[in-house]
């Protein structure tokens, strides 16, 4: 009798965990951005629903200019720019808009994460989009090619980061 109860509890727990995992958390889709031979730009089209998101991965070198443009049929669609190995996003589309242009700080794999704003995600809305990613030639005179600068400062319960890729000071 005790074994039967234990088996039933374990089965219910496993089913509950499976339902919980599938209901609230989206599995990321990862797409490697590939440029056609001789091209420096690529356009990807897709759609996202609810809490889904798509990471478009781009390999680039320090000093190269990265340009990103998101066009979507819903205002709630946005993107962030992430660098492998860093916790902080280099660009937050929800705050700065649907276009980015900047000099990359390091040789790395960068991810452009396309997602829906939280309110739209909770309503399980859907957005169709096109994402244009282009990489320009390294800037020979870029100070980023030889100098690494980043400063983080905590001040009265607020933290700020200053870095050359953003060109501005952001609070977080």
C-alpha atoms as a PDB file:
ATOM      1  CA  UNK A   1       0.000   0.000   0.000  1.00  0.00           C
ATOM      2  CA  UNK A   2       2.810   2.378   0.927  1.00  0.00           C
ATOM      3  CA  UNK A   3       4.599   1.711  -2.388  1.00  0.00           C
ATOM      4  CA  UNK A   4       1.431   2.403  -4.372  1.00  0.00           C
ATOM      5  CA  UNK A   5       0.949   5.781  -2.644  1.00  0.00           C
ATOM      6  CA  UNK A   6       4.587   6.647  -3.200  1.00  0.00           C
ATOM      7  CA  UNK A   7       4.301   5.736  -6.896  1.00  0.00           C
ATOM      8  CA  UNK A   8       1.125   7.822  -7.297  1.00  0.00           C
ATOM      9  CA  UNK A   9       2.706  10.842  -5.589  1.00  0.00           C
ATOM     10  CA  UNK A  10       5.814  10.595  -7.759  1.00  0.00           C
ATOM     11  CA  UNK A  11       3.689  10.273 -10.907  1.00  0.00           C
ATOM     12  CA  UNK A  12       1.537  13.275 -10.002  1.00  0.00           C
ATOM     13  CA  UNK A  13       4.617  15.316  -9.177  1.00  0.00           C
ATOM     14  CA  UNK A  14       6.211  14.461 -12.543  1.00  0.00           C
ATOM     15  CA  UNK A  15       3.020  15.338 -14.436  1.00  0.00           C
ATOM     16  CA  UNK A  16       2.659  18.601 -12.521  1.00  0.00           C
ATOM     17  CA  UNK A  17       6.243  19.607 -13.237  1.00  0.00           C
ATOM     18  CA  UNK A  18       5.808  18.842 -16.928  1.00  0.00           C
ATOM     19  CA  UNK A  19       2.641  20.933 -17.111  1.00  0.00           C
ATOM     20  CA  UNK A  20       4.261  23.807 -15.214  1.00  0.00           C
ATOM     21  CA  UNK A  21       7.309  23.796 -17.469  1.00  0.00           C
ATOM     22  CA  UNK A  22       5.290  23.790 -20.674  1.00  0.00           C
ATOM     23  CA  UNK A  23       2.743  26.396 -19.557  1.00  0.00           C
ATOM     24  CA  UNK A  24       4.862  29.331 -18.465  1.00  0.00           C
ATOM     25  CA  UNK A  25       8.287  29.165 -19.975  1.00  0.00           C
ATOM     26  CA  UNK A  26       9.174  29.444 -23.617  1.00  0.00           C
ATOM     27  CA  UNK A  27      12.042  27.509 -25.109  1.00  0.00           C
ATOM     28  CA  UNK A  28      14.296  29.797 -27.110  1.00  0.00           C
ATOM     29  CA  UNK A  29      14.697  29.381 -30.828  1.00  0.00           C
ATOM     30  CA  UNK A  30      18.241  30.012 -32.006  1.00  0.00           C
ATOM     31  CA  UNK A  31      19.018  31.025 -35.584  1.00  0.00           C
ATOM     32  CA  UNK A  32      22.524  31.602 -36.933  1.00  0.00           C
ATOM     33  CA  UNK A  33      22.600  34.657 -39.210  1.00  0.00           C
ATOM     34  CA  UNK A  34      24.331  33.731 -42.447  1.00  0.00           C
ATOM     35  CA  UNK A  35      25.401  36.269 -45.017  1.00  0.00           C
ATOM     36  CA  UNK A  36      25.381  35.332 -48.699  1.00  0.00           C
ATOM     37  CA  UNK A  37      28.813  35.301 -50.325  1.00  0.00           C
ATOM     38  CA  UNK A  38      29.940  38.887 -50.867  1.00  0.00           C
ATOM     39  CA  UNK A  39      27.051  40.334 -48.831  1.00  0.00           C
ATOM     40  CA  UNK A  40      27.227  42.118 -45.501  1.00  0.00           C
ATOM     41  CA  UNK A  41      23.487  42.178 -44.744  1.00  0.00           C
ATOM     42  CA  UNK A  42      20.841  39.533 -44.150  1.00  0.00           C
ATOM     43  CA  UNK A  43      17.084  39.747 -43.613  1.00  0.00           C
ATOM     44  CA  UNK A  44      15.173  37.186 -41.555  1.00  0.00           C
ATOM     45  CA  UNK A  45      11.416  36.967 -41.259  1.00  0.00           C
ATOM     46  CA  UNK A  46       9.448  35.263 -38.545  1.00  0.00           C
ATOM     47  CA  UNK A  47       6.792  35.506 -35.892  1.00  0.00           C
ATOM     48  CA  UNK A  48       6.658  35.265 -32.130  1.00  0.00           C
ATOM     49  CA  UNK A  49       3.732  34.470 -29.859  1.00  0.00           C
ATOM     50  CA  UNK A  50       3.353  35.102 -26.153  1.00  0.00           C
ATOM     51  CA  UNK A  51       6.516  34.490 -24.192  1.00  0.00           C
ATOM     52  CA  UNK A  52       8.407  33.007 -27.153  1.00  0.00           C
ATOM     53  CA  UNK A  53      11.601  34.669 -28.290  1.00  0.00           C
ATOM     54  CA  UNK A  54      14.154  34.089 -31.014  1.00  0.00           C
ATOM     55  CA  UNK A  55      17.912  34.597 -30.700  1.00  0.00           C
ATOM     56  CA  UNK A  56      19.649  35.500 -33.958  1.00  0.00           C
ATOM     57  CA  UNK A  57      23.380  34.812 -33.500  1.00  0.00           C
ATOM     58  CA  UNK A  58      26.028  36.840 -35.325  1.00  0.00           C
ATOM     59  CA  UNK A  59      29.778  36.299 -35.090  1.00  0.00           C
ATOM     60  CA  UNK A  60      31.713  39.573 -35.374  1.00  0.00           C
ATOM     61  CA  UNK A  61      35.037  41.221 -34.580  1.00  0.00           C
ATOM     62  CA  UNK A  62      35.971  44.141 -32.384  1.00  0.00           C
ATOM     63  CA  UNK A  63      35.637  47.452 -34.196  1.00  0.00           C
ATOM     64  CA  UNK A  64      33.101  46.235 -36.766  1.00  0.00           C
ATOM     65  CA  UNK A  65      29.933  48.285 -37.115  1.00  0.00           C
ATOM     66  CA  UNK A  66      26.748  46.336 -36.433  1.00  0.00           C
ATOM     67  CA  UNK A  67      23.416  47.649 -37.694  1.00  0.00           C
ATOM     68  CA  UNK A  68      20.058  46.130 -36.742  1.00  0.00           C
ATOM     69  CA  UNK A  69      16.560  47.124 -37.831  1.00  0.00           C
ATOM     70  CA  UNK A  70      13.350  45.449 -36.657  1.00  0.00           C
ATOM     71  CA  UNK A  71      10.077  45.938 -38.495  1.00  0.00           C
ATOM     72  CA  UNK A  72       6.974  44.381 -36.933  1.00  0.00           C
ATOM     73  CA  UNK A  73       3.207  44.516 -37.255  1.00  0.00           C
ATOM     74  CA  UNK A  74       2.839  45.139 -33.490  1.00  0.00           C
ATOM     75  CA  UNK A  75       4.388  47.880 -31.395  1.00  0.00           C
ATOM     76  CA  UNK A  76       5.025  45.346 -28.611  1.00  0.00           C
ATOM     77  CA  UNK A  77       7.754  43.571 -30.625  1.00  0.00           C
ATOM     78  CA  UNK A  78      11.279  44.586 -29.701  1.00  0.00           C
ATOM     79  CA  UNK A  79      14.863  43.292 -29.561  1.00  0.00           C
ATOM     80  CA  UNK A  80      17.872  43.322 -27.277  1.00  0.00           C
ATOM     81  CA  UNK A  81      21.513  42.954 -28.270  1.00  0.00           C
ATOM     82  CA  UNK A  82      23.487  40.551 -26.084  1.00  0.00           C
ATOM     83  CA  UNK A  83      27.157  39.625 -26.086  1.00  0.00           C
ATOM     84  CA  UNK A  84      28.206  36.077 -25.196  1.00  0.00           C
ATOM     85  CA  UNK A  85      29.573  35.897 -21.661  1.00  0.00           C
ATOM     86  CA  UNK A  86      28.066  39.183 -20.459  1.00  0.00           C
ATOM     87  CA  UNK A  87      25.049  39.541 -18.215  1.00  0.00           C
ATOM     88  CA  UNK A  88      24.192  43.065 -19.325  1.00  0.00           C
ATOM     89  CA  UNK A  89      22.552  43.764 -22.682  1.00  0.00           C
ATOM     90  CA  UNK A  90      24.471  46.116 -24.990  1.00  0.00           C
ATOM     91  CA  UNK A  91      21.190  47.521 -26.312  1.00  0.00           C
ATOM     92  CA  UNK A  92      17.629  47.455 -24.983  1.00  0.00           C
ATOM     93  CA  UNK A  93      15.122  47.972 -27.754  1.00  0.00           C
ATOM     94  CA  UNK A  94      12.249  48.536 -25.326  1.00  0.00           C
ATOM     95  CA  UNK A  95      14.041  51.701 -24.168  1.00  0.00           C
ATOM     96  CA  UNK A  96      15.926  52.811 -27.270  1.00  0.00           C
ATOM     97  CA  UNK A  97      13.756  51.797 -30.232  1.00  0.00           C
ATOM     98  CA  UNK A  98      13.832  49.345 -33.111  1.00  0.00           C
ATOM     99  CA  UNK A  99      17.114  50.385 -34.700  1.00  0.00           C
ATOM    100  CA  UNK A 100      20.664  49.961 -33.507  1.00  0.00           C
ATOM    101  CA  UNK A 101      23.986  51.055 -34.929  1.00  0.00           C
ATOM    102  CA  UNK A 102      27.201  50.676 -32.991  1.00  0.00           C
ATOM    103  CA  UNK A 103      30.845  49.682 -32.995  1.00  0.00           C
ATOM    104  CA  UNK A 104      31.334  46.260 -31.437  1.00  0.00           C
ATOM    105  CA  UNK A 105      33.606  46.100 -28.386  1.00  0.00           C
ATOM    106  CA  UNK A 106      35.103  42.606 -28.796  1.00  0.00           C
ATOM    107  CA  UNK A 107      35.506  39.563 -31.000  1.00  0.00           C
ATOM    108  CA  UNK A 108      32.453  37.590 -29.942  1.00  0.00           C
ATOM    109  CA  UNK A 109      29.172  35.943 -30.797  1.00  0.00           C
ATOM    110  CA  UNK A 110      26.355  38.464 -30.428  1.00  0.00           C
ATOM    111  CA  UNK A 111      22.678  37.570 -30.078  1.00  0.00           C
ATOM    112  CA  UNK A 112      19.812  39.717 -31.282  1.00  0.00           C
ATOM    113  CA  UNK A 113      16.876  38.588 -29.123  1.00  0.00           C
ATOM    114  CA  UNK A 114      13.453  39.340 -30.653  1.00  0.00           C
ATOM    115  CA  UNK A 115      10.591  39.225 -28.158  1.00  0.00           C
ATOM    116  CA  UNK A 116       7.231  40.711 -27.162  1.00  0.00           C
ATOM    117  CA  UNK A 117       6.790  43.196 -24.329  1.00  0.00           C
ATOM    118  CA  UNK A 118       5.560  41.607 -21.108  1.00  0.00           C
ATOM    119  CA  UNK A 119       1.937  42.825 -21.311  1.00  0.00           C
ATOM    120  CA  UNK A 120       1.549  41.528 -24.878  1.00  0.00           C
ATOM    121  CA  UNK A 121       3.249  38.256 -23.946  1.00  0.00           C
ATOM    122  CA  UNK A 122       0.808  37.709 -21.070  1.00  0.00           C
ATOM    123  CA  UNK A 123      -2.099  38.221 -23.489  1.00  0.00           C
ATOM    124  CA  UNK A 124      -0.450  35.649 -25.781  1.00  0.00           C
ATOM    125  CA  UNK A 125      -0.375  38.118 -28.679  1.00  0.00           C
ATOM    126  CA  UNK A 126       1.396  37.305 -31.930  1.00  0.00           C
ATOM    127  CA  UNK A 127       3.697  39.534 -33.965  1.00  0.00           C
ATOM    128  CA  UNK A 128       5.157  39.008 -37.419  1.00  0.00           C
ATOM    129  CA  UNK A 129       8.457  40.734 -38.106  1.00  0.00           C
ATOM    130  CA  UNK A 130      11.443  41.163 -40.360  1.00  0.00           C
ATOM    131  CA  UNK A 131      14.903  41.626 -38.888  1.00  0.00           C
ATOM    132  CA  UNK A 132      17.700  43.177 -40.918  1.00  0.00           C
ATOM    133  CA  UNK A 133      21.238  42.617 -39.636  1.00  0.00           C
ATOM    134  CA  UNK A 134      24.297  44.072 -41.338  1.00  0.00           C
ATOM    135  CA  UNK A 135      27.954  44.264 -40.426  1.00  0.00           C
ATOM    136  CA  UNK A 136      30.275  46.951 -41.692  1.00  0.00           C
ATOM    137  CA  UNK A 137      34.035  46.886 -42.030  1.00  0.00           C
ATOM    138  CA  UNK A 138      36.144  47.356 -38.909  1.00  0.00           C
ATOM    139  CA  UNK A 139      36.883  50.971 -38.141  1.00  0.00           C
ATOM    140  CA  UNK A 140      40.659  51.412 -38.360  1.00  0.00           C
ATOM    141  CA  UNK A 141      40.628  54.458 -36.090  1.00  0.00           C
ATOM    142  CA  UNK A 142      38.279  52.933 -33.530  1.00  0.00           C
ATOM    143  CA  UNK A 143      39.625  53.224 -29.987  1.00  0.00           C
ATOM    144  CA  UNK A 144      37.797  49.965 -29.243  1.00  0.00           C
ATOM    145  CA  UNK A 145      40.314  47.968 -31.239  1.00  0.00           C
ATOM    146  CA  UNK A 146      43.061  48.590 -28.689  1.00  0.00           C
ATOM    147  CA  UNK A 147      41.377  49.952 -25.574  1.00  0.00           C
ATOM    148  CA  UNK A 148      38.880  48.256 -23.332  1.00  0.00           C
ATOM    149  CA  UNK A 149      36.964  50.557 -21.023  1.00  0.00           C
ATOM    150  CA  UNK A 150      34.068  49.798 -18.770  1.00  0.00           C
ATOM    151  CA  UNK A 151      33.124  51.333 -15.474  1.00  0.00           C
ATOM    152  CA  UNK A 152      30.437  50.267 -13.044  1.00  0.00           C
ATOM    153  CA  UNK A 153      29.465  52.488 -10.129  1.00  0.00           C
ATOM    154  CA  UNK A 154      26.977  52.013  -7.299  1.00  0.00           C
ATOM    155  CA  UNK A 155      25.513  55.185  -5.843  1.00  0.00           C
ATOM    156  CA  UNK A 156      22.693  55.415  -3.278  1.00  0.00           C
ATOM    157  CA  UNK A 157      20.850  52.203  -4.204  1.00  0.00           C
ATOM    158  CA  UNK A 158      21.381  52.768  -7.942  1.00  0.00           C
ATOM    159  CA  UNK A 159      23.944  51.150 -10.192  1.00  0.00           C
ATOM    160  CA  UNK A 160      25.298  52.671 -13.388  1.00  0.00           C
ATOM    161  CA  UNK A 161      27.487  51.333 -16.165  1.00  0.00           C
ATOM    162  CA  UNK A 162      29.507  53.372 -18.636  1.00  0.00           C
ATOM    163  CA  UNK A 163      31.011  51.633 -21.623  1.00  0.00           C
ATOM    164  CA  UNK A 164      32.120  52.690 -25.107  1.00  0.00           C
ATOM    165  CA  UNK A 165      29.694  50.496 -27.034  1.00  0.00           C
ATOM    166  CA  UNK A 166      26.685  52.301 -25.622  1.00  0.00           C
ATOM    167  CA  UNK A 167      28.118  55.799 -25.733  1.00  0.00           C
ATOM    168  CA  UNK A 168      25.831  56.738 -22.866  1.00  0.00           C
ATOM    169  CA  UNK A 169      25.497  56.077 -19.188  1.00  0.00           C
ATOM    170  CA  UNK A 170      22.579  53.797 -18.277  1.00  0.00           C
ATOM    171  CA  UNK A 171      21.114  53.029 -14.920  1.00  0.00           C
ATOM    172  CA  UNK A 172      20.067  49.467 -14.104  1.00  0.00           C
END
